[in-house]
């Protein structure tokens, strides 16, 4: 379902399509309760080479009413980027 319903928007190249579909494969099991024609997916990439790189995945589900879901990436927080130093001091 993912491959048929996914639209690559700004920032992604058509040559990356298979790679993106592979990364989103697990999403298929979550969407299988809907018919293929009820699902629309779009993924975009902003500022590919910059420090503010951001991926956005949008999903529209047309099942009685239109539901719009959005997932975005976030840059790592400084505390997650570097190993934590112990605040305890060793005494011998």
C-alpha atoms as a PDB file:
ATOM      1  CA  UNK A   1       0.000   0.000   0.000  1.00  0.00           C
ATOM      2  CA  UNK A   2       2.756   2.469   0.894  1.00  0.00           C
ATOM      3  CA  UNK A   3       4.381   2.347  -2.539  1.00  0.00           C
ATOM      4  CA  UNK A   4       1.070   2.950  -4.320  1.00  0.00           C
ATOM      5  CA  UNK A   5      -0.143   5.789  -2.087  1.00  0.00           C
ATOM      6  CA  UNK A   6       3.090   7.708  -1.376  1.00  0.00           C
ATOM      7  CA  UNK A   7       3.808  11.027  -3.040  1.00  0.00           C
ATOM      8  CA  UNK A   8       7.380  12.356  -2.775  1.00  0.00           C
ATOM      9  CA  UNK A   9       7.124  16.100  -2.298  1.00  0.00           C
ATOM     10  CA  UNK A  10       9.774  18.818  -2.110  1.00  0.00           C
ATOM     11  CA  UNK A  11      13.250  17.737  -1.101  1.00  0.00           C
ATOM     12  CA  UNK A  12      13.140  14.111  -2.200  1.00  0.00           C
ATOM     13  CA  UNK A  13      14.381  12.814  -5.537  1.00  0.00           C
ATOM     14  CA  UNK A  14      12.516  10.158  -7.496  1.00  0.00           C
ATOM     15  CA  UNK A  15      15.647   7.991  -7.267  1.00  0.00           C
ATOM     16  CA  UNK A  16      15.109   7.840  -3.464  1.00  0.00           C
ATOM     17  CA  UNK A  17      11.564   6.489  -3.730  1.00  0.00           C
ATOM     18  CA  UNK A  18      12.406   2.819  -3.058  1.00  0.00           C
ATOM     19  CA  UNK A  19      14.557   3.792  -0.067  1.00  0.00           C
ATOM     20  CA  UNK A  20      11.730   5.900   1.411  1.00  0.00           C
ATOM     21  CA  UNK A  21       9.099   3.217   0.789  1.00  0.00           C
ATOM     22  CA  UNK A  22      11.341   0.666   2.512  1.00  0.00           C
ATOM     23  CA  UNK A  23      11.732   2.937   5.565  1.00  0.00           C
ATOM     24  CA  UNK A  24       7.950   3.423   5.799  1.00  0.00           C
ATOM     25  CA  UNK A  25       7.060  -0.248   5.305  1.00  0.00           C
ATOM     26  CA  UNK A  26       6.048  -0.753   8.944  1.00  0.00           C
ATOM     27  CA  UNK A  27       3.390   1.914   8.509  1.00  0.00           C
ATOM     28  CA  UNK A  28       1.553  -0.420   6.115  1.00  0.00           C
ATOM     29  CA  UNK A  29       0.454  -2.715   8.946  1.00  0.00           C
ATOM     30  CA  UNK A  30      -1.036   0.269  10.772  1.00  0.00           C
ATOM     31  CA  UNK A  31      -3.020   1.364   7.723  1.00  0.00           C
ATOM     32  CA  UNK A  32      -4.210  -2.037   6.507  1.00  0.00           C
ATOM     33  CA  UNK A  33      -7.657  -1.602   8.084  1.00  0.00           C
ATOM     34  CA  UNK A  34      -8.364   1.038   5.410  1.00  0.00           C
ATOM     35  CA  UNK A  35      -8.840   0.490   1.692  1.00  0.00           C
ATOM     36  CA  UNK A  36      -5.982   1.677  -0.514  1.00  0.00           C
ATOM     37  CA  UNK A  37      -8.176   4.365  -2.067  1.00  0.00           C
ATOM     38  CA  UNK A  38      -8.882   5.841   1.400  1.00  0.00           C
ATOM     39  CA  UNK A  39      -5.212   6.629   2.096  1.00  0.00           C
ATOM     40  CA  UNK A  40      -2.973   9.399   0.784  1.00  0.00           C
ATOM     41  CA  UNK A  41       0.633   9.812   1.956  1.00  0.00           C
ATOM     42  CA  UNK A  42       3.095  12.611   1.289  1.00  0.00           C
ATOM     43  CA  UNK A  43       6.649  12.999   2.533  1.00  0.00           C
ATOM     44  CA  UNK A  44       8.772  16.115   2.187  1.00  0.00           C
ATOM     45  CA  UNK A  45      12.247  17.192   3.192  1.00  0.00           C
ATOM     46  CA  UNK A  46      13.137  20.778   4.061  1.00  0.00           C
ATOM     47  CA  UNK A  47      16.664  22.187   4.061  1.00  0.00           C
ATOM     48  CA  UNK A  48      18.351  18.934   2.978  1.00  0.00           C
ATOM     49  CA  UNK A  49      21.906  20.215   3.424  1.00  0.00           C
ATOM     50  CA  UNK A  50      21.305  22.704   6.206  1.00  0.00           C
ATOM     51  CA  UNK A  51      21.301  22.523   9.969  1.00  0.00           C
ATOM     52  CA  UNK A  52      17.510  22.891  10.065  1.00  0.00           C
ATOM     53  CA  UNK A  53      16.867  19.700   8.077  1.00  0.00           C
ATOM     54  CA  UNK A  54      13.318  18.500   8.688  1.00  0.00           C
ATOM     55  CA  UNK A  55      11.250  15.609   7.333  1.00  0.00           C
ATOM     56  CA  UNK A  56       7.458  15.818   7.342  1.00  0.00           C
ATOM     57  CA  UNK A  57       5.128  12.884   6.670  1.00  0.00           C
ATOM     58  CA  UNK A  58       1.467  13.670   6.087  1.00  0.00           C
ATOM     59  CA  UNK A  59      -1.292  11.093   5.931  1.00  0.00           C
ATOM     60  CA  UNK A  60      -4.867  11.717   4.869  1.00  0.00           C
ATOM     61  CA  UNK A  61      -7.457   9.048   5.663  1.00  0.00           C
ATOM     62  CA  UNK A  62     -10.799   9.379   3.906  1.00  0.00           C
ATOM     63  CA  UNK A  63     -13.019   7.049   5.917  1.00  0.00           C
ATOM     64  CA  UNK A  64     -16.385   8.670   6.523  1.00  0.00           C
ATOM     65  CA  UNK A  65     -14.622  11.945   7.272  1.00  0.00           C
ATOM     66  CA  UNK A  66     -11.193  13.230   6.240  1.00  0.00           C
ATOM     67  CA  UNK A  67      -8.539  12.770   8.907  1.00  0.00           C
ATOM     68  CA  UNK A  68      -5.194  14.547   8.476  1.00  0.00           C
ATOM     69  CA  UNK A  69      -2.192  13.258  10.448  1.00  0.00           C
ATOM     70  CA  UNK A  70       1.224  14.921  10.436  1.00  0.00           C
ATOM     71  CA  UNK A  71       4.536  13.602  11.751  1.00  0.00           C
ATOM     72  CA  UNK A  72       7.711  15.681  11.727  1.00  0.00           C
ATOM     73  CA  UNK A  73      11.299  15.004  12.590  1.00  0.00           C
ATOM     74  CA  UNK A  74      13.071  17.023  15.203  1.00  0.00           C
ATOM     75  CA  UNK A  75      16.753  17.831  15.529  1.00  0.00           C
ATOM     76  CA  UNK A  76      18.548  16.030  18.335  1.00  0.00           C
ATOM     77  CA  UNK A  77      18.642  17.943  21.577  1.00  0.00           C
ATOM     78  CA  UNK A  78      22.126  18.884  22.797  1.00  0.00           C
ATOM     79  CA  UNK A  79      21.738  16.523  25.749  1.00  0.00           C
ATOM     80  CA  UNK A  80      21.146  13.629  23.302  1.00  0.00           C
ATOM     81  CA  UNK A  81      24.012  14.543  21.002  1.00  0.00           C
ATOM     82  CA  UNK A  82      26.868  14.156  23.449  1.00  0.00           C
ATOM     83  CA  UNK A  83      27.592  11.520  26.070  1.00  0.00           C
ATOM     84  CA  UNK A  84      26.690  12.615  29.550  1.00  0.00           C
ATOM     85  CA  UNK A  85      29.474  13.270  31.970  1.00  0.00           C
ATOM     86  CA  UNK A  86      29.210  11.950  35.441  1.00  0.00           C
ATOM     87  CA  UNK A  87      28.746  14.642  38.078  1.00  0.00           C
ATOM     88  CA  UNK A  88      30.148  12.375  40.787  1.00  0.00           C
ATOM     89  CA  UNK A  89      33.799  12.784  41.608  1.00  0.00           C
ATOM     90  CA  UNK A  90      35.923   9.777  42.408  1.00  0.00           C
ATOM     91  CA  UNK A  91      37.753   9.927  45.708  1.00  0.00           C
ATOM     92  CA  UNK A  92      40.475   7.485  46.701  1.00  0.00           C
END
